[in-house]
Amino acid sequence: MSSSIRRAVLYSSVTRYSMRFMGLFSTMIIARLLTPEEIGTFAIASAIVMVMSEFRLLGAGAYLVREQELTEEKIRSATGLTVLISWGLGLLIWLAAPWVAGFYELEPLSIIFRILSVSFFVAPFISIPTSVLMRSFRFKELFVVKLYTTLANVLITISLILAGFSYYALAWGYTLAVLVELLVLIYYRPAGMPWGPSFQRVGTIARFGIYTSLAGFLRKGVVTVPDMIIGKLGTPLQVGLFSRGLGFIEFVSQTLIMGVKPVVLPYLSDVKRSGGDINQAYLQASVMLGGLIWPVLAVASVVSLPAIYLFFGDQWLQAAPYASLIAWWAIFRMVHWFSSDLLMARGFEKVMVIKEAVVFFAHFLAILLLSPLGLKAVAAGFAGAGAIDLVVTSWVLWRYLGLNPALMVRAWRQNALIMVLCGLAAWGCYEAMLAQGFGMVAGLLVVASVLPPVWLGLIVALKHPLRAELVRVIRILHV
């Protein structure tokens, strides 16, 4: 690996994790400044907008990164496609704002929608330079861009909340941060890069990204559709509480995944090109991910109450039971988290989209049918939809790629044992602390101290595949 690629990987990892934890810091403050009702109101609007945002690039960025020879005309065409799609969506959001507010019977949604629509008109002039910088491995510059953007979002949002802007502060913070991102990108824009759009060859680029955009739309829809349905059938308070429970579990799981996710598709594609067993490579990657994430999610399910109290404050304690159930949704989903990468690497993009559509509608129906029974029923249905996701994806991989489900079960037995033992250890430690009269935060701290060595001991004792990776890391650190 060349030094330039090493630096790129380093800056890419630093960017992802630093922005992640800055976002957590911001969320911890905002959760104490706004009520669940206020955050729930914003969540309804942002859920709809964020789902639509999956289509505003339509693969143009990935096209520029992957294209073998990049010309000025190709950059202009990619810009043209994003202008057509993104501006069209932005106009649609602006015009639909009053209708959406009427549908949900929440007048503030109209203003929030229109504030958020501004980012769609700026998006082409952010995404295209970003893709060109990524292509050139200029991740140091991208780190600076994301740093200024995140800082702007945090500072503007908190300042406006303190000034009394309520949920509008969240919308303005996001939108003004996007404008800051544009200004910083103008400074770092590659020399000679054109700004103007061209509308030639846009069909070619659109076909390149249609399947990944559809799949991304459906995946994003799975985690945003609860806000949209509960917002209509329930109240903003319920939206805020369920969103907080889901957001907590998503933060835990995605923080662990984000370090390895970007390298999975290139890794599987490389195995395929070299003639290796791509199914075995997928199995190994998924088992190692599960050995890390399953125990963490089991522990998160046990200590969701003190964790939510510590991170977000006592006004969010009602979200803890939902988080405990949603953790099982994440556990089921983690088994085949890399399935889309595997299907893409094997050339089954259409199958990938159909699979994601089936999974999305399973979640949609579960939430729609169970919402009248309360949020705990919705959370249980969400976990059930995660189990359906596991079954459907296992069948798809068996039917199209020949990956035997029995082989998956055997490979994941160690993960299941480690998860159960870590979950029981966490429950025992937490309950013992409560029985001794200590508070729930003290119990959480004891669990956080005891579980890492317990997990490590199980990895070593059971000779889990992660053991070899940990030994390799230790040797590298000692060199």
Protein backbone atom coordinates (compact mmCIF):
# COMPACT_ATOMS: atom_id res chain seq x y z
CA MET A 1 0.00 0.00 0.00
CA SER A 2 1.44 3.36 -1.04
CA SER A 3 1.97 6.16 1.45
CA SER A 4 -0.68 8.31 -0.27
CA ILE A 5 -3.32 5.59 0.14
CA ARG A 6 -2.30 5.06 3.78
CA ARG A 7 -2.76 8.77 4.41
CA ALA A 8 -6.10 8.67 2.61
CA VAL A 9 -7.32 5.77 4.75
CA LEU A 10 -6.10 7.54 7.90
CA TYR A 11 -7.83 10.83 7.11
CA SER A 12 -10.97 9.02 5.96
CA SER A 13 -11.17 7.12 9.25
CA VAL A 14 -10.39 10.21 11.33
CA THR A 15 -13.08 12.14 9.45
CA ARG A 16 -15.76 9.51 9.95
CA TYR A 17 -15.13 8.94 13.64
CA SER A 18 -14.46 12.54 14.64
CA MET A 19 -17.64 13.73 12.91
CA ARG A 20 -19.54 10.87 14.53
CA PHE A 21 -18.52 11.83 18.04
CA MET A 22 -18.96 15.54 17.41
CA GLY A 23 -22.48 14.66 16.32
CA LEU A 24 -23.00 12.74 19.56
CA PHE A 25 -21.77 15.71 21.58
CA SER A 26 -24.20 17.97 19.73
CA THR A 27 -27.07 15.53 20.23
CA MET A 28 -26.37 15.29 23.96
CA ILE A 29 -26.67 19.06 24.30
CA ILE A 30 -29.70 19.47 22.02
CA ALA A 31 -31.53 16.62 23.78
CA ARG A 32 -31.35 18.66 26.99
CA LEU A 33 -32.36 21.97 25.38
CA LEU A 34 -35.38 20.81 23.37
CA THR A 35 -38.34 18.70 24.45
CA PRO A 36 -39.17 15.33 22.86
CA GLU A 37 -42.19 17.01 21.20
CA GLU A 38 -39.97 19.63 19.55
CA ILE A 39 -37.45 17.09 18.31
CA GLY A 40 -40.29 14.83 17.16
CA THR A 41 -41.75 17.65 15.07
CA PHE A 42 -38.44 18.20 13.31
CA ALA A 43 -37.93 14.43 12.93
CA ILE A 44 -41.10 14.09 10.84
CA ALA A 45 -39.91 16.68 8.32
CA SER A 46 -36.30 15.56 8.26
CA ALA A 47 -37.32 11.91 7.76
CA ILE A 48 -39.14 12.76 4.54
CA VAL A 49 -36.38 15.05 3.29
CA MET A 50 -33.56 12.64 4.13
CA VAL A 51 -35.25 9.81 2.21
CA MET A 52 -35.66 12.05 -0.84
CA SER A 53 -32.01 13.09 -0.59
CA GLU A 54 -30.97 9.54 -1.57
CA PHE A 55 -32.05 10.37 -5.13
CA ARG A 56 -30.55 13.81 -5.54
CA LEU A 57 -27.16 12.57 -6.79
CA LEU A 58 -28.33 9.42 -8.63
CA GLY A 59 -24.86 7.92 -8.64
CA ALA A 60 -23.11 10.92 -10.19
CA GLY A 61 -20.52 11.08 -7.42
CA ALA A 62 -19.71 7.37 -7.62
CA TYR A 63 -19.49 7.68 -11.41
CA LEU A 64 -16.79 10.35 -11.15
CA VAL A 65 -14.82 8.35 -8.58
CA ARG A 66 -14.89 5.12 -10.60
CA GLU A 67 -14.55 6.50 -14.15
CA GLN A 68 -11.20 5.45 -15.60
CA GLU A 69 -10.53 8.70 -17.48
CA LEU A 70 -12.04 11.88 -16.08
CA THR A 71 -12.59 14.73 -18.53
CA GLU A 72 -14.04 18.21 -18.14
CA GLU A 73 -17.09 17.16 -20.15
CA LYS A 74 -17.78 14.20 -17.84
CA ILE A 75 -17.61 16.49 -14.81
CA ARG A 76 -20.03 18.92 -16.47
CA SER A 77 -22.40 16.05 -17.34
CA ALA A 78 -22.33 14.77 -13.75
CA THR A 79 -23.06 18.30 -12.55
CA GLY A 80 -25.90 18.55 -15.05
CA LEU A 81 -27.51 15.35 -13.81
CA THR A 82 -27.34 16.43 -10.17
CA VAL A 83 -28.77 19.85 -11.08
CA LEU A 84 -31.73 18.22 -12.84
CA ILE A 85 -32.49 15.76 -10.06
CA SER A 86 -31.54 17.80 -7.00
CA TRP A 87 -33.16 21.06 -8.11
CA GLY A 88 -36.27 19.18 -9.16
CA LEU A 89 -36.53 17.53 -5.75
CA GLY A 90 -35.82 20.83 -4.01
CA LEU A 91 -38.64 22.51 -5.93
CA LEU A 92 -40.96 19.60 -5.15
CA ILE A 93 -40.19 19.86 -1.42
CA TRP A 94 -40.77 23.63 -1.48
CA LEU A 95 -44.13 23.31 -3.26
CA ALA A 96 -45.30 20.30 -1.24
CA ALA A 97 -44.52 21.91 2.13
CA PRO A 98 -48.05 23.26 2.84
CA TRP A 99 -49.64 19.95 1.81
CA VAL A 100 -47.34 17.94 4.10
CA ALA A 101 -48.06 20.31 6.99
CA GLY A 102 -51.79 19.85 6.39
CA PHE A 103 -51.46 16.07 6.14
CA TYR A 104 -49.74 15.86 9.52
CA GLU A 105 -51.79 18.75 10.96
CA LEU A 106 -48.56 20.43 12.05
CA GLU A 107 -48.21 23.93 10.62
CA PRO A 108 -44.47 24.28 11.53
CA LEU A 109 -43.64 21.49 9.07
CA SER A 110 -44.27 23.85 6.16
CA ILE A 111 -41.52 26.24 7.26
CA ILE A 112 -39.14 23.41 8.24
CA PHE A 113 -39.65 21.76 4.85
CA ARG A 114 -38.83 24.95 2.98
CA ILE A 115 -35.74 25.65 5.06
CA LEU A 116 -34.44 22.13 4.40
CA SER A 117 -35.19 22.39 0.68
CA VAL A 118 -32.40 24.97 0.28
CA SER A 119 -29.76 22.25 0.60
CA PHE A 120 -31.06 20.56 -2.56
CA PHE A 121 -30.27 23.64 -4.64
CA VAL A 122 -26.70 23.73 -3.30
CA ALA A 123 -26.07 19.97 -3.43
CA PRO A 124 -24.68 19.74 -7.01
CA PHE A 125 -21.93 22.21 -6.22
CA ILE A 126 -20.95 20.26 -3.10
CA SER A 127 -21.21 16.65 -4.21
CA ILE A 128 -19.28 17.00 -7.48
CA PRO A 129 -16.17 18.75 -6.04
CA THR A 130 -16.26 16.29 -3.13
CA SER A 131 -16.21 13.34 -5.53
CA VAL A 132 -13.31 14.81 -7.50
CA LEU A 133 -11.35 15.34 -4.27
CA MET A 134 -12.10 11.75 -3.22
CA ARG A 135 -10.91 10.48 -6.58
CA SER A 136 -7.59 12.24 -5.99
CA PHE A 137 -7.32 10.85 -2.41
CA ARG A 138 -7.39 14.38 -1.01
CA PHE A 139 -8.97 13.23 2.24
CA LYS A 140 -7.05 15.77 4.30
CA GLU A 141 -8.93 18.57 2.55
CA LEU A 142 -12.20 16.67 2.91
CA PHE A 143 -11.52 16.30 6.63
CA VAL A 144 -11.18 20.09 6.93
CA VAL A 145 -14.40 20.55 4.95
CA LYS A 146 -16.34 18.19 7.21
CA LEU A 147 -14.79 19.70 10.34
CA TYR A 148 -15.92 23.23 9.47
CA THR A 149 -19.33 21.95 8.36
CA THR A 150 -19.95 20.01 11.57
CA LEU A 151 -18.71 22.83 13.79
CA ALA A 152 -20.96 25.28 11.97
CA ASN A 153 -23.94 22.97 12.38
CA VAL A 154 -23.33 22.50 16.11
CA LEU A 155 -22.65 26.16 16.90
CA ILE A 156 -25.48 27.57 14.78
CA THR A 157 -28.03 25.05 16.01
CA ILE A 158 -27.24 25.49 19.71
CA SER A 159 -27.07 29.29 19.39
CA LEU A 160 -30.47 29.44 17.70
CA ILE A 161 -32.01 27.08 20.26
CA LEU A 162 -30.76 29.34 23.05
CA ALA A 163 -32.22 32.29 21.14
CA GLY A 164 -35.64 30.61 21.20
CA PHE A 165 -35.93 29.23 17.66
CA SER A 166 -37.04 25.78 18.91
CA TYR A 167 -37.24 23.13 16.15
CA TYR A 168 -36.51 25.74 13.48
CA ALA A 169 -32.98 25.92 14.92
CA LEU A 170 -32.36 22.32 13.80
CA ALA A 171 -33.44 23.14 10.25
CA TRP A 172 -31.46 26.38 10.06
CA GLY A 173 -28.39 24.76 11.62
CA TYR A 174 -28.38 22.04 8.97
CA THR A 175 -29.03 24.42 6.07
CA LEU A 176 -26.50 27.09 7.04
CA ALA A 177 -23.89 24.39 7.67
CA VAL A 178 -24.43 23.22 4.08
CA LEU A 179 -23.67 26.75 2.89
CA VAL A 180 -20.49 26.75 4.99
CA GLU A 181 -19.55 23.44 3.36
CA LEU A 182 -19.98 25.03 -0.06
CA LEU A 183 -17.72 27.97 0.84
CA VAL A 184 -14.95 25.71 2.14
CA LEU A 185 -15.20 23.50 -0.96
CA ILE A 186 -14.85 26.55 -3.18
CA TYR A 187 -11.53 27.20 -1.48
CA TYR A 188 -10.33 23.60 -1.92
CA ARG A 189 -11.84 23.07 -5.37
CA PRO A 190 -9.34 21.36 -7.73
CA ALA A 191 -7.68 23.81 -10.08
CA GLY A 192 -9.39 24.01 -13.44
CA MET A 193 -12.47 22.09 -12.35
CA PRO A 194 -15.55 23.38 -14.21
CA TRP A 195 -18.62 24.59 -12.33
CA GLY A 196 -21.11 24.82 -15.18
CA PRO A 197 -23.44 21.91 -15.98
CA SER A 198 -23.87 20.02 -19.24
CA PHE A 199 -26.92 17.93 -20.01
CA GLN A 200 -25.27 15.56 -22.47
CA ARG A 201 -24.65 11.93 -21.43
CA VAL A 202 -26.79 12.35 -18.31
CA GLY A 203 -28.71 9.19 -19.19
CA THR A 204 -25.52 7.13 -19.13
CA ILE A 205 -24.59 8.43 -15.69
CA ALA A 206 -28.15 7.98 -14.38
CA ARG A 207 -28.22 4.33 -15.46
CA PHE A 208 -24.94 3.84 -13.63
CA GLY A 209 -26.43 4.91 -10.31
CA ILE A 210 -30.10 4.01 -10.50
CA TYR A 211 -29.83 0.70 -8.64
CA THR A 212 -27.57 1.97 -5.86
CA SER A 213 -29.83 5.02 -5.42
CA LEU A 214 -32.96 2.88 -5.23
CA ALA A 215 -31.31 0.54 -2.73
CA GLY A 216 -30.10 3.50 -0.67
CA PHE A 217 -33.58 5.03 -0.76
CA LEU A 218 -35.14 1.81 0.55
CA ARG A 219 -32.48 1.29 3.23
CA LYS A 220 -32.87 4.86 4.43
CA GLY A 221 -36.63 4.39 4.36
CA VAL A 222 -36.42 1.53 6.86
CA VAL A 223 -35.08 3.83 9.59
CA THR A 224 -37.13 6.91 8.65
CA VAL A 225 -40.55 5.41 7.95
CA PRO A 226 -41.32 5.09 11.71
CA ASP A 227 -41.15 8.88 12.06
CA MET A 228 -43.46 9.37 9.08
CA ILE A 229 -46.10 6.82 10.14
CA ILE A 230 -46.03 7.54 13.89
CA GLY A 231 -46.13 11.25 13.05
CA LYS A 232 -49.46 10.73 11.27
CA LEU A 233 -51.06 8.13 13.56
CA GLY A 234 -49.55 9.36 16.82
CA THR A 235 -48.05 12.55 18.24
CA PRO A 236 -44.75 14.45 17.88
CA LEU A 237 -43.93 13.27 21.43
CA GLN A 238 -44.19 9.64 20.33
CA VAL A 239 -42.09 10.38 17.25
CA GLY A 240 -39.40 11.96 19.40
CA LEU A 241 -39.28 9.07 21.88
CA PHE A 242 -39.21 6.31 19.26
CA SER A 243 -36.67 8.24 17.21
CA ARG A 244 -34.43 8.58 20.27
CA GLY A 245 -34.57 4.85 20.98
CA LEU A 246 -33.83 3.97 17.37
CA GLY A 247 -31.16 6.66 17.14
CA PHE A 248 -29.36 5.31 20.20
CA ILE A 249 -29.15 1.79 18.74
CA GLU A 250 -28.19 3.14 15.32
CA PHE A 251 -25.36 5.15 16.87
CA VAL A 252 -24.01 2.11 18.72
CA SER A 253 -24.10 -0.20 15.70
CA GLN A 254 -23.13 2.25 12.96
CA THR A 255 -20.18 3.60 14.93
CA LEU A 256 -18.70 0.11 14.93
CA ILE A 257 -19.61 -0.60 11.31
CA MET A 258 -18.42 2.63 9.73
CA GLY A 259 -14.76 1.72 10.15
CA VAL A 260 -15.05 -1.37 7.96
CA LYS A 261 -18.02 -0.70 5.64
CA PRO A 262 -16.13 1.41 3.05
CA VAL A 263 -13.60 -1.36 2.36
CA VAL A 264 -16.05 -4.28 2.05
CA LEU A 265 -17.16 -3.78 -1.57
CA PRO A 266 -13.58 -3.24 -2.86
CA TYR A 267 -12.47 -6.28 -0.83
CA LEU A 268 -15.19 -8.56 -2.22
CA SER A 269 -14.64 -7.25 -5.76
CA ASP A 270 -10.92 -7.94 -5.44
CA VAL A 271 -11.61 -11.51 -4.27
CA LYS A 272 -13.84 -12.03 -7.30
CA ARG A 273 -11.25 -10.65 -9.73
CA SER A 274 -8.52 -12.84 -8.24
CA GLY A 275 -10.65 -15.97 -8.60
CA GLY A 276 -11.14 -16.52 -4.86
CA ASP A 277 -14.23 -17.86 -3.09
CA ILE A 278 -16.30 -14.71 -2.69
CA ASN A 279 -18.95 -16.46 -0.60
CA GLN A 280 -16.32 -17.61 1.88
CA ALA A 281 -14.85 -14.10 1.99
CA TYR A 282 -18.32 -12.70 2.71
CA LEU A 283 -18.91 -15.30 5.41
CA GLN A 284 -15.61 -14.52 7.11
CA ALA A 285 -16.19 -10.75 7.00
CA SER A 286 -19.73 -11.03 8.38
CA VAL A 287 -18.75 -13.42 11.18
CA MET A 288 -15.95 -11.12 12.36
CA LEU A 289 -18.30 -8.13 12.30
CA GLY A 290 -20.91 -10.09 14.24
CA GLY A 291 -18.36 -11.16 16.83
CA LEU A 292 -17.87 -7.49 17.64
CA ILE A 293 -21.34 -6.01 17.21
CA TRP A 294 -23.67 -8.72 18.52
CA PRO A 295 -22.25 -8.63 22.08
CA VAL A 296 -22.29 -4.82 22.10
CA LEU A 297 -25.94 -4.73 21.01
CA ALA A 298 -26.89 -7.33 23.62
CA VAL A 299 -25.25 -5.19 26.31
CA ALA A 300 -26.93 -2.05 24.91
CA SER A 301 -30.28 -3.80 25.21
CA VAL A 302 -29.61 -4.51 28.90
CA VAL A 303 -28.35 -1.05 29.89
CA SER A 304 -30.45 1.13 27.57
CA LEU A 305 -32.08 2.95 30.52
CA PRO A 306 -28.90 4.27 32.20
CA ALA A 307 -27.23 4.86 28.82
CA ILE A 308 -30.07 7.04 27.57
CA TYR A 309 -30.19 8.86 30.91
CA LEU A 310 -26.45 9.54 30.81
CA PHE A 311 -26.33 10.67 27.19
CA PHE A 312 -29.65 12.47 26.73
CA GLY A 313 -31.15 13.30 30.12
CA ASP A 314 -34.13 12.17 32.18
CA GLN A 315 -36.79 13.52 29.81
CA TRP A 316 -35.88 10.70 27.40
CA LEU A 317 -36.13 7.77 29.85
CA GLN A 318 -39.39 6.59 28.25
CA ALA A 319 -37.37 5.74 25.12
CA ALA A 320 -35.33 3.05 26.92
CA PRO A 321 -37.80 0.13 26.56
CA TYR A 322 -38.09 0.85 22.84
CA ALA A 323 -34.30 0.90 22.49
CA SER A 324 -34.05 -2.49 24.22
CA LEU A 325 -36.44 -4.04 21.69
CA ILE A 326 -34.93 -2.23 18.71
CA ALA A 327 -31.53 -3.64 19.66
CA TRP A 328 -32.86 -7.04 18.56
CA TRP A 329 -33.84 -5.53 15.22
CA ALA A 330 -30.22 -4.44 14.80
CA ILE A 331 -28.97 -7.88 15.89
CA PHE A 332 -31.00 -9.57 13.16
CA ARG A 333 -29.93 -7.01 10.54
CA MET A 334 -26.23 -7.34 11.34
CA VAL A 335 -26.05 -10.96 10.13
CA HIS A 336 -26.28 -9.92 6.47
CA TRP A 337 -25.19 -6.30 6.73
CA PHE A 338 -22.76 -6.78 3.83
CA SER A 339 -25.29 -8.57 1.60
CA SER A 340 -25.78 -5.58 -0.70
CA ASP A 341 -22.02 -5.37 -1.24
CA LEU A 342 -21.94 -9.09 -2.04
CA LEU A 343 -24.83 -8.87 -4.50
CA MET A 344 -23.24 -5.86 -6.22
CA ALA A 345 -19.86 -7.58 -6.42
CA ARG A 346 -21.54 -10.59 -8.05
CA GLY A 347 -23.53 -8.41 -10.49
CA PHE A 348 -27.00 -8.89 -8.98
CA GLU A 349 -27.96 -5.21 -8.60
CA LYS A 350 -31.61 -5.79 -9.60
CA VAL A 351 -31.96 -8.62 -7.09
CA MET A 352 -30.45 -6.32 -4.45
CA VAL A 353 -33.10 -3.66 -5.09
CA ILE A 354 -35.96 -6.20 -5.01
CA LYS A 355 -34.64 -7.62 -1.74
CA GLU A 356 -34.42 -4.15 -0.20
CA ALA A 357 -37.98 -3.40 -1.36
CA VAL A 358 -39.36 -6.54 0.33
CA VAL A 359 -37.53 -5.67 3.54
CA PHE A 360 -38.79 -2.07 3.43
CA PHE A 361 -42.42 -3.11 3.02
CA ALA A 362 -42.09 -5.60 5.89
CA HIS A 363 -41.05 -2.72 8.15
CA PHE A 364 -43.71 -0.41 6.69
CA LEU A 365 -46.53 -2.88 7.34
CA ALA A 366 -45.28 -3.76 10.83
CA ILE A 367 -45.26 -0.10 11.90
CA LEU A 368 -48.57 0.72 10.18
CA LEU A 369 -50.45 -2.22 11.70
CA LEU A 370 -48.98 -1.98 15.20
CA SER A 371 -48.97 1.81 15.71
CA PRO A 372 -52.51 1.81 17.21
CA LEU A 373 -51.26 -0.60 19.90
CA GLY A 374 -48.55 1.75 21.20
CA LEU A 375 -44.84 2.34 20.77
CA LYS A 376 -43.76 -0.84 22.56
CA ALA A 377 -45.76 -2.86 20.04
CA VAL A 378 -44.17 -0.87 17.21
CA ALA A 379 -40.69 -1.57 18.60
CA ALA A 380 -41.51 -5.29 18.88
CA GLY A 381 -42.84 -5.24 15.32
CA PHE A 382 -39.67 -3.49 14.21
CA ALA A 383 -37.64 -6.32 15.74
CA GLY A 384 -39.91 -8.82 13.98
CA ALA A 385 -39.35 -7.06 10.67
CA GLY A 386 -35.62 -7.38 11.32
CA ALA A 387 -36.10 -11.14 11.67
CA ILE A 388 -37.99 -11.17 8.36
CA ASP A 389 -35.05 -9.28 6.83
CA LEU A 390 -32.72 -12.03 8.04
CA VAL A 391 -34.88 -14.79 6.55
CA VAL A 392 -35.45 -13.01 3.21
CA THR A 393 -31.79 -12.11 2.75
CA SER A 394 -30.67 -15.62 3.67
CA TRP A 395 -33.03 -17.03 1.04
CA VAL A 396 -31.84 -14.55 -1.62
CA LEU A 397 -28.18 -15.38 -1.01
CA TRP A 398 -28.98 -19.10 -1.12
CA ARG A 399 -31.13 -18.83 -4.26
CA TYR A 400 -28.84 -16.60 -6.32
CA LEU A 401 -25.36 -17.10 -4.86
CA GLY A 402 -25.53 -20.62 -3.45
CA LEU A 403 -24.72 -19.53 0.12
CA ASN A 404 -26.16 -22.33 2.25
CA PRO A 405 -28.13 -21.03 5.29
CA ALA A 406 -26.94 -24.04 7.31
CA LEU A 407 -23.37 -22.89 6.71
CA MET A 408 -24.28 -19.44 8.03
CA VAL A 409 -25.85 -20.96 11.16
CA ARG A 410 -22.73 -23.02 11.89
CA ALA A 411 -20.45 -20.04 11.28
CA TRP A 412 -22.47 -17.78 13.60
CA ARG A 413 -22.82 -20.20 16.55
CA GLN A 414 -19.81 -18.72 18.33
CA ASN A 415 -21.19 -15.21 17.87
CA ALA A 416 -24.50 -16.29 19.41
CA LEU A 417 -22.76 -17.85 22.41
CA ILE A 418 -20.57 -14.78 22.98
CA MET A 419 -23.61 -12.51 22.67
CA VAL A 420 -25.64 -14.49 25.21
CA LEU A 421 -22.79 -14.71 27.72
CA CYS A 422 -21.97 -10.99 27.40
CA GLY A 423 -25.65 -10.10 27.76
CA LEU A 424 -25.98 -12.25 30.88
CA ALA A 425 -22.78 -10.79 32.35
CA ALA A 426 -24.04 -7.25 31.73
CA TRP A 427 -27.42 -8.06 33.29
CA GLY A 428 -25.79 -9.69 36.32
CA CYS A 429 -23.41 -6.77 36.94
CA TYR A 430 -26.12 -4.15 36.48
CA GLU A 431 -28.69 -5.86 38.71
CA ALA A 432 -26.06 -6.55 41.39
CA MET A 433 -25.18 -2.85 41.53
CA LEU A 434 -28.85 -1.88 41.83
CA ALA A 435 -29.37 -4.49 44.56
CA GLN A 436 -26.48 -2.97 46.53
CA GLY A 437 -28.19 0.42 46.44
CA PHE A 438 -26.03 2.04 43.78
CA GLY A 439 -27.57 4.20 41.08
CA MET A 440 -28.15 3.13 37.50
CA VAL A 441 -25.25 5.25 36.20
CA ALA A 442 -22.87 3.47 38.59
CA GLY A 443 -24.25 0.19 37.28
CA LEU A 444 -23.59 1.32 33.71
CA LEU A 445 -20.00 2.26 34.55
CA VAL A 446 -19.38 -1.16 36.12
CA VAL A 447 -20.80 -2.89 33.04
CA ALA A 448 -18.60 -0.74 30.79
CA SER A 449 -15.55 -1.72 32.87
CA VAL A 450 -16.27 -5.45 33.19
CA LEU A 451 -17.59 -6.38 29.75
CA PRO A 452 -14.54 -5.59 27.54
CA PRO A 453 -12.28 -8.14 29.32
CA VAL A 454 -15.18 -10.62 29.41
CA TRP A 455 -15.64 -10.24 25.65
CA LEU A 456 -11.91 -10.51 25.00
CA GLY A 457 -11.65 -13.62 27.17
CA LEU A 458 -14.48 -15.28 25.24
CA ILE A 459 -12.90 -14.39 21.89
CA VAL A 460 -9.65 -16.03 22.97
CA ALA A 461 -11.18 -19.03 24.76
CA LEU A 462 -13.52 -19.93 21.89
CA LYS A 463 -10.81 -19.34 19.25
CA HIS A 464 -13.06 -16.92 17.39
CA PRO A 465 -11.75 -15.70 13.99
CA LEU A 466 -11.35 -12.25 15.56
CA ARG A 467 -8.60 -13.63 17.78
CA ALA A 468 -6.15 -13.85 14.88
CA GLU A 469 -6.98 -10.28 13.85
CA LEU A 470 -6.43 -9.00 17.39
CA VAL A 471 -3.07 -10.78 17.57
CA ARG A 472 -2.09 -9.20 14.25
CA VAL A 473 -3.02 -5.72 15.51
CA ILE A 474 -1.03 -6.24 18.72
CA ARG A 475 2.03 -7.30 16.74
CA ILE A 476 1.76 -4.25 14.51
CA LEU A 477 1.53 -1.96 17.55
CA HIS A 478 4.63 -3.55 19.07
CA VAL A 479 6.70 -3.11 15.90
